[in-house]
Amino acid sequence: VQLQASGGGLVQAGGSLRLSCALSGRTSRQSTMAWFRRAPGKEREFVSAIFRNSGSPIYADSVKGRFTISRDNAKNTVYLQMNSLKPEETAVYYCAADFTLILSSVRMSRAYDYWGQGTLVTVSS
């Protein structure tokens, strides 16, 4: 299984970006796929996930109402639409996948077996 993240870049505060994470090697619909981020000097934190099969979205409180996670099963790709971005959301964003985790573990980075390489999002003030 491989994950390829893309879509990062430089955006002004209040702007939008869409991140993509393409999964290869298995069917993405069978996986829970998530986005985490690590800001400079901070620990990695959960951003959002889409649960396997049901496609139920889960969000960190800090991004609710601004970020939207979605899945295109035909493309084996998960997207993270990020709107109203804030400078403090400057970070490397990582996608992750797992095929067996339970819902209660979805926010835990250690629950994910597969990780992409990360894509840098820079939000300027």
N, C-alpha and C. Protein backbone atom coordinates (compact mmCIF):
# COMPACT_ATOMS: atom_id res chain seq x y z
N VAL A 1 0.85 -1.20 0.00
CA VAL A 1 0.00 0.00 0.00
C VAL A 1 0.88 1.24 0.00
N GLN A 2 0.55 2.16 -0.87
CA GLN A 2 1.27 3.43 -0.92
C GLN A 2 0.28 4.58 -0.94
N LEU A 3 0.67 5.67 -0.29
CA LEU A 3 -0.13 6.88 -0.26
C LEU A 3 0.67 8.02 -0.86
N GLN A 4 0.04 8.77 -1.73
CA GLN A 4 0.69 9.91 -2.36
C GLN A 4 -0.14 11.15 -2.10
N ALA A 5 0.40 12.04 -1.28
CA ALA A 5 -0.29 13.28 -0.94
C ALA A 5 0.18 14.40 -1.86
N SER A 6 -0.74 15.29 -2.17
CA SER A 6 -0.41 16.45 -3.00
C SER A 6 -1.38 17.57 -2.72
N GLY A 7 -1.07 18.74 -3.27
CA GLY A 7 -1.99 19.86 -3.18
C GLY A 7 -1.58 20.96 -2.24
N GLY A 8 -0.50 20.77 -1.51
CA GLY A 8 -0.05 21.82 -0.62
C GLY A 8 0.48 23.02 -1.39
N GLY A 9 0.71 24.09 -0.65
CA GLY A 9 1.23 25.28 -1.28
C GLY A 9 1.13 26.47 -0.37
N LEU A 10 1.32 27.63 -0.95
CA LEU A 10 1.27 28.90 -0.22
C LEU A 10 -0.07 29.57 -0.50
N VAL A 11 -0.72 29.98 0.58
CA VAL A 11 -2.01 30.64 0.44
C VAL A 11 -2.11 31.74 1.49
N GLN A 12 -2.85 32.77 1.19
CA GLN A 12 -3.05 33.84 2.16
C GLN A 12 -4.11 33.43 3.18
N ALA A 13 -4.03 34.03 4.32
CA ALA A 13 -5.03 33.79 5.36
C ALA A 13 -6.43 34.05 4.78
N GLY A 14 -7.33 33.14 5.10
CA GLY A 14 -8.68 33.24 4.56
C GLY A 14 -8.88 32.50 3.25
N GLY A 15 -7.78 32.06 2.67
CA GLY A 15 -7.85 31.37 1.40
C GLY A 15 -8.16 29.89 1.53
N SER A 16 -8.11 29.20 0.40
CA SER A 16 -8.49 27.79 0.34
C SER A 16 -7.44 26.98 -0.40
N LEU A 17 -7.38 25.73 -0.02
CA LEU A 17 -6.57 24.74 -0.72
C LEU A 17 -7.30 23.41 -0.67
N ARG A 18 -7.02 22.57 -1.66
CA ARG A 18 -7.55 21.22 -1.62
C ARG A 18 -6.39 20.23 -1.69
N LEU A 19 -6.30 19.41 -0.68
CA LEU A 19 -5.29 18.36 -0.64
C LEU A 19 -5.88 17.07 -1.20
N SER A 20 -5.01 16.29 -1.81
CA SER A 20 -5.41 14.99 -2.35
C SER A 20 -4.50 13.92 -1.79
N CYS A 21 -5.05 12.75 -1.61
CA CYS A 21 -4.26 11.59 -1.17
C CYS A 21 -4.71 10.39 -1.97
N ALA A 22 -3.84 9.91 -2.82
CA ALA A 22 -4.14 8.76 -3.66
C ALA A 22 -3.57 7.50 -3.04
N LEU A 23 -4.40 6.50 -2.92
CA LEU A 23 -3.99 5.22 -2.34
C LEU A 23 -3.82 4.21 -3.46
N SER A 24 -2.76 3.48 -3.42
CA SER A 24 -2.53 2.41 -4.39
C SER A 24 -2.19 1.12 -3.66
N GLY A 25 -2.56 0.03 -4.26
CA GLY A 25 -2.26 -1.26 -3.68
C GLY A 25 -3.46 -1.96 -3.09
N ARG A 26 -4.44 -1.21 -2.69
CA ARG A 26 -5.69 -1.77 -2.19
C ARG A 26 -6.81 -0.79 -2.49
N THR A 27 -8.04 -1.24 -2.29
CA THR A 27 -9.19 -0.39 -2.55
C THR A 27 -9.38 0.59 -1.41
N SER A 28 -9.43 1.86 -1.74
CA SER A 28 -9.50 2.87 -0.68
C SER A 28 -10.79 2.80 0.11
N ARG A 29 -11.86 2.33 -0.53
CA ARG A 29 -13.15 2.28 0.17
C ARG A 29 -13.08 1.38 1.40
N GLN A 30 -12.16 0.41 1.36
CA GLN A 30 -12.01 -0.52 2.48
C GLN A 30 -11.17 0.08 3.60
N SER A 31 -10.67 1.25 3.41
CA SER A 31 -9.78 1.84 4.40
C SER A 31 -10.41 3.05 5.07
N THR A 32 -10.00 3.28 6.28
CA THR A 32 -10.22 4.57 6.91
C THR A 32 -9.04 5.43 6.53
N MET A 33 -9.33 6.59 5.97
CA MET A 33 -8.25 7.48 5.55
C MET A 33 -8.37 8.79 6.31
N ALA A 34 -7.23 9.31 6.67
CA ALA A 34 -7.22 10.47 7.56
C ALA A 34 -6.14 11.47 7.14
N TRP A 35 -6.31 12.67 7.66
CA TRP A 35 -5.30 13.71 7.52
C TRP A 35 -4.85 14.12 8.92
N PHE A 36 -3.56 14.21 9.07
CA PHE A 36 -2.94 14.75 10.26
C PHE A 36 -2.04 15.90 9.82
N ARG A 37 -1.64 16.71 10.76
CA ARG A 37 -0.71 17.80 10.42
C ARG A 37 0.28 17.99 11.55
N ARG A 38 1.44 18.49 11.18
CA ARG A 38 2.47 18.82 12.16
C ARG A 38 2.98 20.21 11.86
N ALA A 39 2.68 21.12 12.76
CA ALA A 39 3.17 22.49 12.64
C ALA A 39 4.58 22.57 13.20
N PRO A 40 5.34 23.57 12.79
CA PRO A 40 6.71 23.71 13.31
C PRO A 40 6.75 23.76 14.82
N GLY A 41 7.55 22.90 15.42
CA GLY A 41 7.70 22.88 16.86
C GLY A 41 6.56 22.25 17.63
N LYS A 42 5.62 21.66 16.92
CA LYS A 42 4.47 21.06 17.59
C LYS A 42 4.36 19.58 17.25
N GLU A 43 3.54 18.90 18.02
CA GLU A 43 3.31 17.49 17.75
C GLU A 43 2.29 17.32 16.62
N ARG A 44 2.33 16.17 16.03
CA ARG A 44 1.36 15.86 14.99
C ARG A 44 -0.04 15.81 15.59
N GLU A 45 -1.01 16.37 14.88
CA GLU A 45 -2.37 16.39 15.40
C GLU A 45 -3.35 15.92 14.32
N PHE A 46 -4.43 15.35 14.79
CA PHE A 46 -5.49 14.87 13.93
C PHE A 46 -6.24 16.05 13.32
N VAL A 47 -6.59 15.92 12.04
CA VAL A 47 -7.36 16.95 11.36
C VAL A 47 -8.74 16.40 10.96
N SER A 48 -8.74 15.32 10.22
CA SER A 48 -10.00 14.79 9.72
C SER A 48 -9.80 13.36 9.25
N ALA A 49 -10.89 12.61 9.19
CA ALA A 49 -10.84 11.24 8.69
C ALA A 49 -12.17 10.90 8.04
N ILE A 50 -12.09 9.91 7.18
CA ILE A 50 -13.32 9.37 6.58
C ILE A 50 -13.28 7.88 6.80
N PHE A 51 -14.29 7.40 7.48
CA PHE A 51 -14.27 6.02 7.95
C PHE A 51 -14.56 5.06 6.80
N ARG A 52 -13.96 3.89 6.90
CA ARG A 52 -14.09 2.89 5.82
C ARG A 52 -15.54 2.47 5.64
N ASN A 53 -15.84 2.11 4.43
CA ASN A 53 -17.15 1.63 3.99
C ASN A 53 -18.26 2.66 4.18
N SER A 54 -18.53 3.08 5.40
CA SER A 54 -19.64 4.01 5.62
C SER A 54 -19.34 5.39 5.06
N GLY A 55 -18.06 5.73 5.02
CA GLY A 55 -17.70 7.07 4.54
C GLY A 55 -18.03 8.18 5.51
N SER A 56 -18.27 7.85 6.76
CA SER A 56 -18.61 8.87 7.75
C SER A 56 -17.42 9.79 7.99
N PRO A 57 -17.63 11.10 7.90
CA PRO A 57 -16.53 12.04 8.13
C PRO A 57 -16.39 12.37 9.61
N ILE A 58 -15.16 12.57 10.03
CA ILE A 58 -14.84 12.97 11.39
C ILE A 58 -13.88 14.15 11.31
N TYR A 59 -14.10 15.15 12.16
CA TYR A 59 -13.28 16.35 12.12
C TYR A 59 -12.77 16.72 13.51
N ALA A 60 -11.60 17.30 13.52
CA ALA A 60 -11.15 17.95 14.74
C ALA A 60 -12.02 19.19 14.95
N ASP A 61 -12.24 19.53 16.20
CA ASP A 61 -13.09 20.68 16.50
C ASP A 61 -12.56 21.96 15.85
N SER A 62 -11.27 22.07 15.74
CA SER A 62 -10.66 23.30 15.23
C SER A 62 -10.93 23.53 13.75
N VAL A 63 -11.34 22.49 13.02
CA VAL A 63 -11.55 22.66 11.58
C VAL A 63 -13.00 22.47 11.16
N LYS A 64 -13.85 22.11 12.09
CA LYS A 64 -15.25 21.89 11.76
C LYS A 64 -15.86 23.14 11.14
N GLY A 65 -16.60 22.93 10.06
CA GLY A 65 -17.25 24.04 9.39
C GLY A 65 -16.38 24.72 8.35
N ARG A 66 -15.07 24.40 8.35
CA ARG A 66 -14.16 25.01 7.38
C ARG A 66 -13.53 23.98 6.45
N PHE A 67 -13.29 22.79 6.96
CA PHE A 67 -12.67 21.73 6.18
C PHE A 67 -13.71 20.68 5.83
N THR A 68 -13.56 20.09 4.65
CA THR A 68 -14.44 19.01 4.23
C THR A 68 -13.61 17.88 3.65
N ILE A 69 -13.83 16.69 4.19
CA ILE A 69 -13.14 15.50 3.66
C ILE A 69 -14.11 14.74 2.78
N SER A 70 -13.58 14.20 1.69
CA SER A 70 -14.43 13.44 0.78
C SER A 70 -13.59 12.35 0.11
N ARG A 71 -14.29 11.42 -0.48
CA ARG A 71 -13.60 10.27 -1.09
C ARG A 71 -14.15 10.03 -2.48
N ASP A 72 -13.27 9.78 -3.43
CA ASP A 72 -13.66 9.35 -4.77
C ASP A 72 -13.19 7.90 -4.91
N ASN A 73 -14.13 6.98 -4.76
CA ASN A 73 -13.76 5.57 -4.78
C ASN A 73 -13.21 5.13 -6.14
N ALA A 74 -13.73 5.72 -7.19
CA ALA A 74 -13.26 5.34 -8.53
C ALA A 74 -11.79 5.70 -8.72
N LYS A 75 -11.35 6.76 -8.06
CA LYS A 75 -9.96 7.20 -8.18
C LYS A 75 -9.10 6.77 -7.01
N ASN A 76 -9.73 6.06 -6.05
CA ASN A 76 -8.98 5.65 -4.86
C ASN A 76 -8.30 6.83 -4.18
N THR A 77 -9.02 7.92 -4.12
CA THR A 77 -8.43 9.17 -3.64
C THR A 77 -9.34 9.83 -2.61
N VAL A 78 -8.71 10.38 -1.59
CA VAL A 78 -9.41 11.17 -0.58
C VAL A 78 -8.95 12.62 -0.71
N TYR A 79 -9.88 13.52 -0.51
CA TYR A 79 -9.60 14.95 -0.63
C TYR A 79 -9.87 15.64 0.69
N LEU A 80 -9.15 16.70 0.92
CA LEU A 80 -9.42 17.57 2.06
C LEU A 80 -9.53 19.00 1.53
N GLN A 81 -10.74 19.49 1.47
CA GLN A 81 -10.98 20.88 1.07
C GLN A 81 -10.84 21.75 2.30
N MET A 82 -9.91 22.69 2.24
CA MET A 82 -9.64 23.54 3.39
C MET A 82 -9.99 24.98 3.03
N ASN A 83 -10.94 25.53 3.74
CA ASN A 83 -11.37 26.90 3.51
C ASN A 83 -11.06 27.75 4.73
N SER A 84 -11.04 29.04 4.53
CA SER A 84 -10.80 30.00 5.62
C SER A 84 -9.56 29.63 6.42
N LEU A 85 -8.49 29.38 5.71
CA LEU A 85 -7.26 28.95 6.36
C LEU A 85 -6.66 30.05 7.23
N LYS A 86 -6.02 29.63 8.31
CA LYS A 86 -5.43 30.55 9.27
C LYS A 86 -3.92 30.36 9.29
N PRO A 87 -3.17 31.39 9.60
CA PRO A 87 -1.70 31.26 9.63
C PRO A 87 -1.22 30.15 10.56
N GLU A 88 -1.92 29.95 11.66
CA GLU A 88 -1.50 28.91 12.60
C GLU A 88 -1.73 27.50 12.06
N GLU A 89 -2.35 27.40 10.91
CA GLU A 89 -2.53 26.09 10.28
C GLU A 89 -1.41 25.76 9.29
N THR A 90 -0.42 26.59 9.27
CA THR A 90 0.78 26.26 8.52
C THR A 90 1.40 25.00 9.11
N ALA A 91 1.58 24.00 8.25
CA ALA A 91 2.06 22.71 8.74
C ALA A 91 2.33 21.80 7.56
N VAL A 92 2.98 20.71 7.85
CA VAL A 92 3.05 19.61 6.90
C VAL A 92 1.84 18.73 7.16
N TYR A 93 1.09 18.50 6.12
CA TYR A 93 -0.12 17.69 6.22
C TYR A 93 0.18 16.29 5.69
N TYR A 94 -0.16 15.31 6.48
CA TYR A 94 0.08 13.91 6.15
C TYR A 94 -1.24 13.17 5.98
N CYS A 95 -1.30 12.32 4.97
CA CYS A 95 -2.44 11.43 4.90
C CYS A 95 -2.04 10.06 5.42
N ALA A 96 -3.02 9.39 5.94
CA ALA A 96 -2.79 8.09 6.55
C ALA A 96 -3.96 7.17 6.22
N ALA A 97 -3.69 5.88 6.27
CA ALA A 97 -4.75 4.91 5.98
C ALA A 97 -4.58 3.69 6.86
N ASP A 98 -5.70 3.09 7.15
CA ASP A 98 -5.69 1.81 7.86
C ASP A 98 -6.95 1.05 7.49
N PHE A 99 -6.82 -0.28 7.51
CA PHE A 99 -7.93 -1.10 7.04
C PHE A 99 -8.67 -1.81 8.17
N THR A 100 -8.17 -1.67 9.39
CA THR A 100 -8.78 -2.43 10.47
C THR A 100 -9.13 -1.60 11.71
N LEU A 101 -8.74 -0.33 11.74
CA LEU A 101 -8.96 0.40 12.99
C LEU A 101 -10.44 0.59 13.28
N ILE A 102 -10.72 0.73 14.57
CA ILE A 102 -12.10 0.93 14.98
C ILE A 102 -12.38 2.41 15.14
N LEU A 103 -13.65 2.75 15.15
CA LEU A 103 -14.05 4.16 15.14
C LEU A 103 -13.46 4.93 16.31
N SER A 104 -13.37 4.30 17.45
CA SER A 104 -12.86 5.00 18.63
C SER A 104 -11.38 5.35 18.51
N SER A 105 -10.69 4.77 17.58
CA SER A 105 -9.26 5.02 17.40
C SER A 105 -8.95 5.98 16.26
N VAL A 106 -9.95 6.50 15.63
CA VAL A 106 -9.75 7.21 14.36
C VAL A 106 -8.88 8.46 14.53
N ARG A 107 -8.85 9.05 15.71
CA ARG A 107 -8.07 10.26 15.93
C ARG A 107 -6.64 9.99 16.39
N MET A 108 -6.29 8.73 16.52
CA MET A 108 -4.99 8.35 17.05
C MET A 108 -4.03 8.03 15.92
N SER A 109 -2.94 8.76 15.83
CA SER A 109 -2.01 8.52 14.74
C SER A 109 -1.41 7.12 14.80
N ARG A 110 -1.21 6.61 15.99
CA ARG A 110 -0.61 5.29 16.12
C ARG A 110 -1.51 4.17 15.60
N ALA A 111 -2.77 4.47 15.35
CA ALA A 111 -3.70 3.46 14.85
C ALA A 111 -3.56 3.22 13.35
N TYR A 112 -2.82 4.06 12.66
CA TYR A 112 -2.71 3.98 11.21
C TYR A 112 -1.43 3.28 10.79
N ASP A 113 -1.57 2.33 9.90
CA ASP A 113 -0.41 1.57 9.44
C ASP A 113 0.31 2.21 8.26
N TYR A 114 -0.40 3.00 7.48
CA TYR A 114 0.18 3.50 6.24
C TYR A 114 0.16 5.04 6.22
N TRP A 115 1.27 5.61 5.77
CA TRP A 115 1.42 7.06 5.77
C TRP A 115 1.98 7.55 4.44
N GLY A 116 1.48 8.71 4.02
CA GLY A 116 2.05 9.37 2.87
C GLY A 116 3.23 10.22 3.28
N GLN A 117 3.82 10.88 2.30
CA GLN A 117 5.06 11.61 2.53
C GLN A 117 4.86 13.01 3.09
N GLY A 118 3.65 13.51 3.10
CA GLY A 118 3.39 14.84 3.61
C GLY A 118 3.44 15.90 2.52
N THR A 119 2.61 16.90 2.69
CA THR A 119 2.61 18.03 1.77
C THR A 119 2.53 19.31 2.60
N LEU A 120 3.34 20.28 2.25
CA LEU A 120 3.47 21.49 3.06
C LEU A 120 2.40 22.50 2.69
N VAL A 121 1.71 22.97 3.71
CA VAL A 121 0.74 24.06 3.55
C VAL A 121 1.27 25.26 4.33
N THR A 122 1.42 26.37 3.65
CA THR A 122 1.89 27.60 4.28
C THR A 122 0.81 28.65 4.12
N VAL A 123 0.35 29.16 5.26
CA VAL A 123 -0.69 30.19 5.25
C VAL A 123 -0.06 31.50 5.71
N SER A 124 -0.02 32.46 4.84
CA SER A 124 0.60 33.74 5.17
C SER A 124 -0.44 34.70 5.75
N SER A 125 0.04 35.54 6.65
CA SER A 125 -0.87 36.50 7.31
C SER A 125 -0.94 37.81 6.54
